[in-house]
Amino acid sequence: MIFITPSLAVEISPTKANLNSIQFEKDYTFFLTLINNENVEKGIEMKLAYPSMYLDKYVSFEPKFFKIPPKKSRNVKISMKLDESIPIGAHTLETQPISDGKEVLDSFKLTFSIPGAQLHKLSLDKFDVIGDSVNSPVYLNISLVNTGNTVEKISPRLLVRKDGNVVDIREYKTEYILLPDKIEPLLLMYDPSKLNPGDYSLELEVTYTEKTLSEKKEITLNEEDGGALTMQEMRSTNYTVGLIAIFVLALAATLAYFIFPKAYFYTKKLMLLRRIQSLSTRQRTLESTFERLMSDVMGFVEDSNKILSKYGEEYELK
């Protein structure tokens, strides 16, 4: 049996690299080759993947925007310069090129580590529960504080208990990045529609670097609408916001087409009139200066003739 692996629309080579040691303020350069396997031209934008976006200030791409003809390739230079502001610990620089508005499946990962004594410590600054109805989503308003000196990557988990027993678990797949000395606000949604009205305990678990931070909140769910937006209401709200946005864009286009050009040309007309007046004033000033200069020259000629005549010499001045 032969397995055929479909080729990616745009491939990257190489796909990974590692730096064994790091020096601050040193320029590190890497070259990638992007290969367009399709029969159409691809527009590419070089970006960092979400987990690596905190490294953006240390990294640059050359070029950042470019096009690759069908069945052709293009080289890209990645430059990186680190300084002492980068946190201690392991880091992964992952590029995630965008092709025509879509992510390229292939990526390049550069791993390196900053030496030093590591302190892993998170604390929960806020944990509020918004909503108390089984017919509406419940929102967890959370603020986490990274009081350590390393970058922490977390994926929260919610355990719903009733009478001490776990009746539901919600795993949040998104990986959140917490930088040292930063507060990270999170708004997580939980759908309680499969629960019956009653008293529950919501236990939030945050696991990071083999440690777990947990906090509990007691909540009473009822059948009444607690005021939180339902999915239908959210869709309706998005639709309304969309209509408002379209109206604003249409209004802006109308202003740009009819009003702004008129104001623009009126302003330009005033500016041109002022410049003409200024040039006229300068012309009159130059004419006056020229007249005074010619008067001085003629006076000089007359004085010269008088002096020469006094000594009996005749000169013809032209």
C-alpha atoms as a PDB file:
ATOM      1  CA  MET A   1       0.000   0.000   0.000  1.00  0.00           C
ATOM      2  CA  ILE A   2       1.336   3.423  -0.956  1.00  0.00           C
ATOM      3  CA  PHE A   3       0.457   6.490   1.099  1.00  0.00           C
ATOM      4  CA  ILE A   4       0.547   9.799  -0.740  1.00  0.00           C
ATOM      5  CA  THR A   5       1.083  12.846   1.450  1.00  0.00           C
ATOM      6  CA  PRO A   6      -0.371  15.986  -0.147  1.00  0.00           C
ATOM      7  CA  SER A   7       2.157  18.788  -0.473  1.00  0.00           C
ATOM      8  CA  LEU A   8       1.527  22.086   1.264  1.00  0.00           C
ATOM      9  CA  ALA A   9       0.544  25.119  -0.766  1.00  0.00           C
ATOM     10  CA  VAL A  10       3.668  26.892   0.491  1.00  0.00           C
ATOM     11  CA  GLU A  11       6.523  24.984   2.091  1.00  0.00           C
ATOM     12  CA  ILE A  12       9.286  26.378   4.294  1.00  0.00           C
ATOM     13  CA  SER A  13      12.831  25.104   4.462  1.00  0.00           C
ATOM     14  CA  PRO A  14      14.346  24.610   6.970  1.00  0.00           C
ATOM     15  CA  THR A  15      11.557  24.076   9.488  1.00  0.00           C
ATOM     16  CA  LYS A  16      13.565  24.279  12.720  1.00  0.00           C
ATOM     17  CA  ALA A  17      16.821  25.481  14.249  1.00  0.00           C
ATOM     18  CA  ASN A  18      18.383  25.830  17.685  1.00  0.00           C
ATOM     19  CA  LEU A  19      20.771  28.283  19.328  1.00  0.00           C
ATOM     20  CA  ASN A  20      22.904  26.701  22.024  1.00  0.00           C
ATOM     21  CA  SER A  21      24.141  29.977  23.487  1.00  0.00           C
ATOM     22  CA  ILE A  22      22.902  33.560  23.398  1.00  0.00           C
ATOM     23  CA  GLN A  23      24.784  36.847  23.465  1.00  0.00           C
ATOM     24  CA  PHE A  24      22.910  40.081  24.036  1.00  0.00           C
ATOM     25  CA  GLU A  25      23.118  42.804  21.353  1.00  0.00           C
ATOM     26  CA  LYS A  26      24.462  40.291  18.839  1.00  0.00           C
ATOM     27  CA  ASP A  27      22.862  40.030  15.395  1.00  0.00           C
ATOM     28  CA  TYR A  28      21.585  36.549  14.567  1.00  0.00           C
ATOM     29  CA  THR A  29      20.574  35.882  10.962  1.00  0.00           C
ATOM     30  CA  PHE A  30      18.633  32.973   9.475  1.00  0.00           C
ATOM     31  CA  PHE A  31      17.582  32.369   5.892  1.00  0.00           C
ATOM     32  CA  LEU A  32      14.361  30.602   4.940  1.00  0.00           C
ATOM     33  CA  THR A  33      13.251  29.346   1.553  1.00  0.00           C
ATOM     34  CA  LEU A  34       9.528  29.505   0.827  1.00  0.00           C
ATOM     35  CA  ILE A  35       8.380  27.265  -2.027  1.00  0.00           C
ATOM     36  CA  ASN A  36       5.116  27.831  -3.892  1.00  0.00           C
ATOM     37  CA  ASN A  37       3.821  24.389  -4.926  1.00  0.00           C
ATOM     38  CA  GLU A  38       0.705  25.698  -6.665  1.00  0.00           C
ATOM     39  CA  ASN A  39       0.043  26.962 -10.180  1.00  0.00           C
ATOM     40  CA  VAL A  40      -1.006  30.427  -9.027  1.00  0.00           C
ATOM     41  CA  GLU A  41       0.971  33.325  -7.606  1.00  0.00           C
ATOM     42  CA  LYS A  42       1.003  33.582  -3.810  1.00  0.00           C
ATOM     43  CA  GLY A  43       1.139  36.808  -1.820  1.00  0.00           C
ATOM     44  CA  ILE A  44       3.016  36.254   1.440  1.00  0.00           C
ATOM     45  CA  GLU A  45       3.243  38.231   4.678  1.00  0.00           C
ATOM     46  CA  MET A  46       5.837  37.109   7.219  1.00  0.00           C
ATOM     47  CA  LYS A  47       4.519  37.105  10.792  1.00  0.00           C
ATOM     48  CA  LEU A  48       5.121  35.444  14.125  1.00  0.00           C
ATOM     49  CA  ALA A  49       2.729  32.830  15.481  1.00  0.00           C
ATOM     50  CA  TYR A  50       0.645  33.909  18.483  1.00  0.00           C
ATOM     51  CA  PRO A  51       2.754  32.105  21.147  1.00  0.00           C
ATOM     52  CA  SER A  52       5.840  33.952  19.849  1.00  0.00           C
ATOM     53  CA  MET A  53       4.365  37.422  19.363  1.00  0.00           C
ATOM     54  CA  TYR A  54       6.029  38.741  22.525  1.00  0.00           C
ATOM     55  CA  LEU A  55       9.355  38.321  20.650  1.00  0.00           C
ATOM     56  CA  ASP A  56       8.241  40.674  17.877  1.00  0.00           C
ATOM     57  CA  LYS A  57      10.372  43.609  19.077  1.00  0.00           C
ATOM     58  CA  TYR A  58      13.528  41.499  18.747  1.00  0.00           C
ATOM     59  CA  VAL A  59      12.813  40.170  15.232  1.00  0.00           C
ATOM     60  CA  SER A  60      12.593  41.570  11.703  1.00  0.00           C
ATOM     61  CA  PHE A  61      11.897  40.023   8.286  1.00  0.00           C
ATOM     62  CA  GLU A  62      13.428  41.029   4.966  1.00  0.00           C
ATOM     63  CA  PRO A  63      11.277  41.180   2.961  1.00  0.00           C
ATOM     64  CA  LYS A  64       8.137  41.171   5.083  1.00  0.00           C
ATOM     65  CA  PHE A  65       5.681  41.354   2.157  1.00  0.00           C
ATOM     66  CA  PHE A  66       6.363  39.672  -1.181  1.00  0.00           C
ATOM     67  CA  LYS A  67       4.938  37.459  -3.919  1.00  0.00           C
ATOM     68  CA  ILE A  68       6.037  34.031  -5.123  1.00  0.00           C
ATOM     69  CA  PRO A  69       5.291  33.067  -8.754  1.00  0.00           C
ATOM     70  CA  PRO A  70       3.815  29.615  -9.454  1.00  0.00           C
ATOM     71  CA  LYS A  71       6.236  26.727  -8.861  1.00  0.00           C
ATOM     72  CA  LYS A  72       8.928  29.170  -7.725  1.00  0.00           C
ATOM     73  CA  SER A  73      10.673  29.911  -4.436  1.00  0.00           C
ATOM     74  CA  ARG A  74      11.749  32.991  -2.494  1.00  0.00           C
ATOM     75  CA  ASN A  75      14.386  33.487   0.193  1.00  0.00           C
ATOM     76  CA  VAL A  76      13.595  35.442   3.356  1.00  0.00           C
ATOM     77  CA  LYS A  77      16.073  36.752   5.912  1.00  0.00           C
ATOM     78  CA  ILE A  78      15.158  36.655   9.605  1.00  0.00           C
ATOM     79  CA  SER A  79      17.209  38.946  11.841  1.00  0.00           C
ATOM     80  CA  MET A  80      17.123  38.706  15.619  1.00  0.00           C
ATOM     81  CA  LYS A  81      18.859  40.842  18.242  1.00  0.00           C
ATOM     82  CA  LEU A  82      18.168  40.179  21.920  1.00  0.00           C
ATOM     83  CA  ASP A  83      18.807  42.407  24.906  1.00  0.00           C
ATOM     84  CA  GLU A  84      18.582  42.034  28.672  1.00  0.00           C
ATOM     85  CA  SER A  85      14.842  42.756  28.670  1.00  0.00           C
ATOM     86  CA  ILE A  86      14.042  39.257  27.407  1.00  0.00           C
ATOM     87  CA  PRO A  87      12.862  36.971  30.247  1.00  0.00           C
ATOM     88  CA  ILE A  88      14.941  34.115  31.611  1.00  0.00           C
ATOM     89  CA  GLY A  89      14.100  30.592  30.441  1.00  0.00           C
ATOM     90  CA  ALA A  90      13.276  28.699  27.253  1.00  0.00           C
ATOM     91  CA  HIS A  91      11.827  30.474  24.211  1.00  0.00           C
ATOM     92  CA  THR A  92      10.481  29.391  20.837  1.00  0.00           C
ATOM     93  CA  LEU A  93      10.475  31.798  17.921  1.00  0.00           C
ATOM     94  CA  GLU A  94       7.847  30.458  15.517  1.00  0.00           C
ATOM     95  CA  THR A  95       7.128  32.114  12.190  1.00  0.00           C
ATOM     96  CA  GLN A  96       3.615  31.810  10.783  1.00  0.00           C
ATOM     97  CA  PRO A  97       3.559  33.234   7.243  1.00  0.00           C
ATOM     98  CA  ILE A  98       0.204  34.375   5.899  1.00  0.00           C
ATOM     99  CA  SER A  99      -0.683  33.511   2.299  1.00  0.00           C
ATOM    100  CA  ASP A 100      -3.509  35.535   0.727  1.00  0.00           C
ATOM    101  CA  GLY A 101      -5.103  36.113   4.131  1.00  0.00           C
ATOM    102  CA  LYS A 102      -4.746  32.489   5.266  1.00  0.00           C
ATOM    103  CA  GLU A 103      -2.138  30.846   7.456  1.00  0.00           C
ATOM    104  CA  VAL A 104       0.510  28.787   5.724  1.00  0.00           C
ATOM    105  CA  LEU A 105       0.486  25.347   7.316  1.00  0.00           C
ATOM    106  CA  ASP A 106       4.263  25.059   7.315  1.00  0.00           C
ATOM    107  CA  SER A 107       6.306  27.048   9.835  1.00  0.00           C
ATOM    108  CA  PHE A 108       9.823  27.643  11.106  1.00  0.00           C
ATOM    109  CA  LYS A 109      10.689  27.224  14.801  1.00  0.00           C
ATOM    110  CA  LEU A 110      13.838  28.560  16.430  1.00  0.00           C
ATOM    111  CA  THR A 111      14.480  27.448  20.010  1.00  0.00           C
ATOM    112  CA  PHE A 112      16.876  29.081  22.447  1.00  0.00           C
ATOM    113  CA  SER A 113      17.233  29.642  26.163  1.00  0.00           C
ATOM    114  CA  ILE A 114      18.264  32.543  28.385  1.00  0.00           C
ATOM    115  CA  PRO A 115      20.296  31.283  31.365  1.00  0.00           C
ATOM    116  CA  GLY A 116      19.541  32.296  34.936  1.00  0.00           C
ATOM    117  CA  ALA A 117      17.731  31.250  38.106  1.00  0.00           C
ATOM    118  CA  GLN A 118      14.087  30.695  37.161  1.00  0.00           C
ATOM    119  CA  LEU A 119      11.123  31.662  39.313  1.00  0.00           C
ATOM    120  CA  HIS A 120       7.732  30.264  38.237  1.00  0.00           C
ATOM    121  CA  LYS A 121       4.907  31.958  40.103  1.00  0.00           C
ATOM    122  CA  LEU A 122       1.373  32.949  39.119  1.00  0.00           C
ATOM    123  CA  SER A 123      -1.361  34.470  41.243  1.00  0.00           C
ATOM    124  CA  LEU A 124      -5.052  35.036  40.641  1.00  0.00           C
ATOM    125  CA  ASP A 125      -5.840  38.731  40.933  1.00  0.00           C
ATOM    126  CA  LYS A 126      -9.543  38.464  40.055  1.00  0.00           C
ATOM    127  CA  PHE A 127     -12.122  35.726  39.527  1.00  0.00           C
ATOM    128  CA  ASP A 128     -15.688  36.937  38.963  1.00  0.00           C
ATOM    129  CA  VAL A 129     -18.645  34.962  37.611  1.00  0.00           C
ATOM    130  CA  ILE A 130     -21.090  36.817  35.360  1.00  0.00           C
ATOM    131  CA  GLY A 131     -24.491  35.207  34.789  1.00  0.00           C
ATOM    132  CA  ASP A 132     -26.692  32.883  36.859  1.00  0.00           C
ATOM    133  CA  SER A 133     -29.068  31.229  34.391  1.00  0.00           C
ATOM    134  CA  VAL A 134     -28.923  27.795  32.773  1.00  0.00           C
ATOM    135  CA  ASN A 135     -30.441  29.402  29.663  1.00  0.00           C
ATOM    136  CA  SER A 136     -27.598  31.880  29.090  1.00  0.00           C
ATOM    137  CA  PRO A 137     -23.818  31.608  28.886  1.00  0.00           C
ATOM    138  CA  VAL A 138     -21.859  32.159  32.082  1.00  0.00           C
ATOM    139  CA  TYR A 139     -18.708  34.255  31.800  1.00  0.00           C
ATOM    140  CA  LEU A 140     -15.591  33.952  33.940  1.00  0.00           C
ATOM    141  CA  ASN A 141     -13.867  37.312  34.314  1.00  0.00           C
ATOM    142  CA  ILE A 142     -10.292  36.492  35.342  1.00  0.00           C
ATOM    143  CA  SER A 143      -7.041  38.372  35.891  1.00  0.00           C
ATOM    144  CA  LEU A 144      -3.793  36.444  36.280  1.00  0.00           C
ATOM    145  CA  VAL A 145      -0.532  37.989  37.474  1.00  0.00           C
ATOM    146  CA  ASN A 146       2.879  36.579  36.588  1.00  0.00           C
ATOM    147  CA  THR A 147       5.075  37.460  39.569  1.00  0.00           C
ATOM    148  CA  GLY A 148       7.906  35.212  38.382  1.00  0.00           C
ATOM    149  CA  ASN A 149      10.693  35.945  35.902  1.00  0.00           C
ATOM    150  CA  THR A 150       9.813  33.504  33.099  1.00  0.00           C
ATOM    151  CA  VAL A 151       7.235  33.419  30.309  1.00  0.00           C
ATOM    152  CA  GLU A 152       4.365  31.142  31.329  1.00  0.00           C
ATOM    153  CA  LYS A 153       2.063  29.330  28.910  1.00  0.00           C
ATOM    154  CA  ILE A 154      -1.275  28.227  30.323  1.00  0.00           C
ATOM    155  CA  SER A 155      -4.504  26.550  29.214  1.00  0.00           C
ATOM    156  CA  PRO A 156      -7.233  26.995  31.876  1.00  0.00           C
ATOM    157  CA  ARG A 157      -9.685  24.288  32.881  1.00  0.00           C
ATOM    158  CA  LEU A 158     -13.055  24.623  34.601  1.00  0.00           C
ATOM    159  CA  LEU A 159     -14.516  21.914  36.853  1.00  0.00           C
ATOM    160  CA  VAL A 160     -18.206  22.193  37.717  1.00  0.00           C
ATOM    161  CA  ARG A 161     -19.170  20.425  40.950  1.00  0.00           C
ATOM    162  CA  LYS A 162     -22.512  19.699  42.571  1.00  0.00           C
ATOM    163  CA  ASP A 163     -22.626  18.238  46.070  1.00  0.00           C
ATOM    164  CA  GLY A 164     -18.884  17.631  45.816  1.00  0.00           C
ATOM    165  CA  ASN A 165     -19.122  15.599  42.592  1.00  0.00           C
ATOM    166  CA  VAL A 166     -17.759  16.748  39.240  1.00  0.00           C
ATOM    167  CA  VAL A 167     -20.699  17.034  36.828  1.00  0.00           C
ATOM    168  CA  ASP A 168     -18.975  18.856  33.975  1.00  0.00           C
ATOM    169  CA  ILE A 169     -15.464  19.774  32.779  1.00  0.00           C
ATOM    170  CA  ARG A 170     -14.571  22.476  30.299  1.00  0.00           C
ATOM    171  CA  GLU A 171     -11.087  22.410  28.766  1.00  0.00           C
ATOM    172  CA  TYR A 172     -10.018  25.713  27.209  1.00  0.00           C
ATOM    173  CA  LYS A 173      -7.736  24.790  24.323  1.00  0.00           C
ATOM    174  CA  THR A 174      -6.340  28.272  23.720  1.00  0.00           C
ATOM    175  CA  GLU A 175      -2.804  28.645  25.040  1.00  0.00           C
ATOM    176  CA  TYR A 176      -2.370  31.981  26.792  1.00  0.00           C
ATOM    177  CA  ILE A 177       1.000  33.710  27.206  1.00  0.00           C
ATOM    178  CA  LEU A 178       1.813  35.472  30.482  1.00  0.00           C
ATOM    179  CA  LEU A 179       4.891  37.708  30.596  1.00  0.00           C
ATOM    180  CA  PRO A 180       6.722  38.510  33.847  1.00  0.00           C
ATOM    181  CA  ASP A 181       5.359  41.419  35.914  1.00  0.00           C
ATOM    182  CA  LYS A 182       2.259  41.599  33.724  1.00  0.00           C
ATOM    183  CA  ILE A 183      -1.457  41.245  34.456  1.00  0.00           C
ATOM    184  CA  GLU A 184      -3.323  39.155  31.887  1.00  0.00           C
ATOM    185  CA  PRO A 185      -7.131  39.648  31.811  1.00  0.00           C
ATOM    186  CA  LEU A 186      -9.118  36.687  30.484  1.00  0.00           C
ATOM    187  CA  LEU A 187     -12.812  36.345  29.717  1.00  0.00           C
ATOM    188  CA  LEU A 188     -13.840  32.699  29.451  1.00  0.00           C
ATOM    189  CA  MET A 189     -17.299  31.459  28.510  1.00  0.00           C
ATOM    190  CA  TYR A 190     -19.087  28.418  29.918  1.00  0.00           C
ATOM    191  CA  ASP A 191     -22.350  26.977  28.574  1.00  0.00           C
ATOM    192  CA  PRO A 192     -24.499  25.654  31.477  1.00  0.00           C
ATOM    193  CA  SER A 193     -27.445  24.628  29.282  1.00  0.00           C
ATOM    194  CA  LYS A 194     -27.076  20.920  30.152  1.00  0.00           C
ATOM    195  CA  LEU A 195     -27.198  21.615  33.898  1.00  0.00           C
ATOM    196  CA  ASN A 196     -30.311  21.714  36.051  1.00  0.00           C
ATOM    197  CA  PRO A 197     -31.088  24.747  38.203  1.00  0.00           C
ATOM    198  CA  GLY A 198     -29.410  24.570  41.598  1.00  0.00           C
ATOM    199  CA  ASP A 199     -26.254  25.300  43.568  1.00  0.00           C
ATOM    200  CA  TYR A 200     -22.898  24.606  41.962  1.00  0.00           C
ATOM    201  CA  SER A 201     -19.225  25.150  42.626  1.00  0.00           C
ATOM    202  CA  LEU A 202     -17.048  26.431  39.781  1.00  0.00           C
ATOM    203  CA  GLU A 203     -13.394  25.493  40.221  1.00  0.00           C
ATOM    204  CA  LEU A 204     -10.883  27.174  37.945  1.00  0.00           C
ATOM    205  CA  GLU A 205      -7.577  25.362  37.430  1.00  0.00           C
ATOM    206  CA  VAL A 206      -4.541  26.955  35.810  1.00  0.00           C
ATOM    207  CA  THR A 207      -1.618  24.597  35.194  1.00  0.00           C
ATOM    208  CA  TYR A 208       1.846  25.956  34.410  1.00  0.00           C
ATOM    209  CA  THR A 209       5.343  24.435  34.644  1.00  0.00           C
ATOM    210  CA  GLU A 210       4.172  21.440  36.697  1.00  0.00           C
ATOM    211  CA  LYS A 211       2.285  23.728  39.088  1.00  0.00           C
ATOM    212  CA  THR A 212      -1.454  24.246  39.491  1.00  0.00           C
ATOM    213  CA  LEU A 213      -3.266  27.375  40.617  1.00  0.00           C
ATOM    214  CA  SER A 214      -6.918  26.864  41.590  1.00  0.00           C
ATOM    215  CA  GLU A 215      -9.807  28.966  42.863  1.00  0.00           C
ATOM    216  CA  LYS A 216     -13.475  28.176  43.597  1.00  0.00           C
ATOM    217  CA  LYS A 217     -16.639  30.199  43.237  1.00  0.00           C
ATOM    218  CA  GLU A 218     -20.097  29.206  44.461  1.00  0.00           C
ATOM    219  CA  ILE A 219     -22.995  29.957  42.130  1.00  0.00           C
ATOM    220  CA  THR A 220     -26.748  29.384  42.085  1.00  0.00           C
ATOM    221  CA  LEU A 221     -28.182  28.755  38.633  1.00  0.00           C
ATOM    222  CA  ASN A 222     -31.857  29.327  37.861  1.00  0.00           C
ATOM    223  CA  GLU A 223     -34.079  29.116  34.811  1.00  0.00           C
ATOM    224  CA  GLU A 224     -34.505  32.861  34.438  1.00  0.00           C
ATOM    225  CA  ASP A 225     -32.486  34.873  31.970  1.00  0.00           C
ATOM    226  CA  GLY A 226     -29.689  36.342  34.063  1.00  0.00           C
ATOM    227  CA  GLY A 227     -29.085  39.195  31.672  1.00  0.00           C
ATOM    228  CA  ALA A 228     -26.141  37.639  29.860  1.00  0.00           C
ATOM    229  CA  LEU A 229     -26.300  37.542  26.099  1.00  0.00           C
ATOM    230  CA  THR A 230     -27.478  34.330  24.490  1.00  0.00           C
ATOM    231  CA  MET A 231     -25.851  33.082  21.306  1.00  0.00           C
ATOM    232  CA  GLN A 232     -28.902  34.242  19.322  1.00  0.00           C
ATOM    233  CA  GLU A 233     -28.685  37.677  20.942  1.00  0.00           C
ATOM    234  CA  MET A 234     -24.961  37.811  20.249  1.00  0.00           C
ATOM    235  CA  ARG A 235     -25.591  37.029  16.575  1.00  0.00           C
ATOM    236  CA  SER A 236     -28.356  39.661  16.482  1.00  0.00           C
ATOM    237  CA  THR A 237     -26.047  42.182  18.153  1.00  0.00           C
ATOM    238  CA  ASN A 238     -23.276  41.405  15.678  1.00  0.00           C
ATOM    239  CA  TYR A 239     -25.772  41.875  12.826  1.00  0.00           C
ATOM    240  CA  THR A 240     -26.851  45.262  14.202  1.00  0.00           C
ATOM    241  CA  VAL A 241     -23.256  46.340  14.716  1.00  0.00           C
ATOM    242  CA  GLY A 242     -22.524  45.235  11.159  1.00  0.00           C
ATOM    243  CA  LEU A 243     -25.350  47.392   9.792  1.00  0.00           C
ATOM    244  CA  ILE A 244     -24.119  50.378  11.792  1.00  0.00           C
ATOM    245  CA  ALA A 245     -20.591  49.809  10.487  1.00  0.00           C
ATOM    246  CA  ILE A 246     -21.869  49.676   6.887  1.00  0.00           C
ATOM    247  CA  PHE A 247     -23.809  52.923   7.440  1.00  0.00           C
ATOM    248  CA  VAL A 248     -20.737  54.648   8.896  1.00  0.00           C
ATOM    249  CA  LEU A 249     -18.598  53.482   5.965  1.00  0.00           C
ATOM    250  CA  ALA A 250     -21.213  54.692   3.466  1.00  0.00           C
ATOM    251  CA  LEU A 251     -21.387  58.066   5.228  1.00  0.00           C
ATOM    252  CA  ALA A 252     -17.602  58.346   5.223  1.00  0.00           C
ATOM    253  CA  ALA A 253     -17.500  57.476   1.516  1.00  0.00           C
ATOM    254  CA  THR A 254     -20.153  60.134   0.767  1.00  0.00           C
ATOM    255  CA  LEU A 255     -18.237  62.768   2.694  1.00  0.00           C
ATOM    256  CA  ALA A 256     -15.009  61.758   1.002  1.00  0.00           C
ATOM    257  CA  TYR A 257     -16.615  61.921  -2.462  1.00  0.00           C
ATOM    258  CA  PHE A 258     -18.720  65.085  -2.205  1.00  0.00           C
ATOM    259  CA  ILE A 259     -17.757  67.229   0.776  1.00  0.00           C
ATOM    260  CA  PHE A 260     -14.043  66.743   1.293  1.00  0.00           C
ATOM    261  CA  PRO A 261     -13.012  67.451  -2.351  1.00  0.00           C
ATOM    262  CA  LYS A 262     -14.940  70.741  -2.303  1.00  0.00           C
ATOM    263  CA  ALA A 263     -13.316  71.811   0.960  1.00  0.00           C
ATOM    264  CA  TYR A 264      -9.944  70.620  -0.323  1.00  0.00           C
ATOM    265  CA  PHE A 265     -10.092  72.626  -3.563  1.00  0.00           C
ATOM    266  CA  TYR A 266     -11.443  75.687  -1.740  1.00  0.00           C
ATOM    267  CA  THR A 267      -8.490  75.540   0.650  1.00  0.00           C
ATOM    268  CA  LYS A 268      -6.053  75.056  -2.231  1.00  0.00           C
ATOM    269  CA  LYS A 269      -7.610  78.053  -4.009  1.00  0.00           C
ATOM    270  CA  LEU A 270      -7.043  80.283  -0.971  1.00  0.00           C
ATOM    271  CA  MET A 271      -3.460  79.051  -0.687  1.00  0.00           C
ATOM    272  CA  LEU A 272      -2.781  79.805  -4.369  1.00  0.00           C
ATOM    273  CA  LEU A 273      -4.289  83.294  -4.089  1.00  0.00           C
ATOM    274  CA  ARG A 274      -2.082  84.006  -1.088  1.00  0.00           C
ATOM    275  CA  ARG A 275       0.969  82.794  -2.981  1.00  0.00           C
ATOM    276  CA  ILE A 276       0.084  85.005  -5.972  1.00  0.00           C
ATOM    277  CA  GLN A 277      -0.292  88.003  -3.665  1.00  0.00           C
ATOM    278  CA  SER A 278       3.020  87.158  -2.040  1.00  0.00           C
ATOM    279  CA  LEU A 279       4.733  86.880  -5.446  1.00  0.00           C
ATOM    280  CA  SER A 280       3.231  90.200  -6.537  1.00  0.00           C
ATOM    281  CA  THR A 281       4.552  91.846  -3.395  1.00  0.00           C
ATOM    282  CA  ARG A 282       7.975  90.321  -4.003  1.00  0.00           C
ATOM    283  CA  GLN A 283       7.886  91.515  -7.629  1.00  0.00           C
ATOM    284  CA  ARG A 284       7.127  95.085  -6.541  1.00  0.00           C
ATOM    285  CA  THR A 285       9.908  94.899  -3.984  1.00  0.00           C
ATOM    286  CA  LEU A 286      12.381  93.663  -6.610  1.00  0.00           C
ATOM    287  CA  GLU A 287      11.355  96.406  -9.040  1.00  0.00           C
ATOM    288  CA  SER A 288      11.851  99.055  -6.365  1.00  0.00           C
ATOM    289  CA  THR A 289      15.233  97.590  -5.430  1.00  0.00           C
ATOM    290  CA  PHE A 290      16.305  97.512  -9.088  1.00  0.00           C
ATOM    291  CA  GLU A 291      15.302 101.150  -9.552  1.00  0.00           C
ATOM    292  CA  ARG A 292      17.330 102.189  -6.507  1.00  0.00           C
ATOM    293  CA  LEU A 293      20.289 100.167  -7.750  1.00  0.00           C
ATOM    294  CA  MET A 294      20.170 101.786 -11.212  1.00  0.00           C
ATOM    295  CA  SER A 295      19.920 105.219  -9.605  1.00  0.00           C
ATOM    296  CA  ASP A 296      23.020 104.473  -7.539  1.00  0.00           C
ATOM    297  CA  VAL A 297      24.896 103.262 -10.643  1.00  0.00           C
ATOM    298  CA  MET A 298      24.043 106.402 -12.619  1.00  0.00           C
ATOM    299  CA  GLY A 299      25.092 108.546  -9.687  1.00  0.00           C
ATOM    300  CA  PHE A 300      28.383 106.686  -9.531  1.00  0.00           C
ATOM    301  CA  VAL A 301      28.954 107.270 -13.275  1.00  0.00           C
ATOM    302  CA  GLU A 302      28.279 111.011 -12.975  1.00  0.00           C
ATOM    303  CA  ASP A 303      30.591 111.345  -9.978  1.00  0.00           C
ATOM    304  CA  SER A 304      33.319 109.432 -11.827  1.00  0.00           C
ATOM    305  CA  ASN A 305      33.083 111.724 -14.870  1.00  0.00           C
ATOM    306  CA  LYS A 306      33.336 114.796 -12.664  1.00  0.00           C
ATOM    307  CA  ILE A 307      36.448 113.474 -10.957  1.00  0.00           C
ATOM    308  CA  LEU A 308      38.122 112.522 -14.237  1.00  0.00           C
ATOM    309  CA  SER A 309      37.266 115.892 -15.827  1.00  0.00           C
ATOM    310  CA  LYS A 310      38.856 117.663 -12.880  1.00  0.00           C
ATOM    311  CA  TYR A 311      42.223 116.060 -13.664  1.00  0.00           C
ATOM    312  CA  GLY A 312      41.942 116.752 -17.407  1.00  0.00           C
ATOM    313  CA  GLU A 313      41.351 113.170 -18.450  1.00  0.00           C
ATOM    314  CA  GLU A 314      38.454 112.161 -20.609  1.00  0.00           C
ATOM    315  CA  TYR A 315      37.048 108.718 -20.440  1.00  0.00           C
ATOM    316  CA  GLU A 316      34.066 107.333 -22.123  1.00  0.00           C
ATOM    317  CA  LEU A 317      32.111 105.191 -19.819  1.00  0.00           C
ATOM    318  CA  LYS A 318      29.818 102.726 -21.371  1.00  0.00           C
END
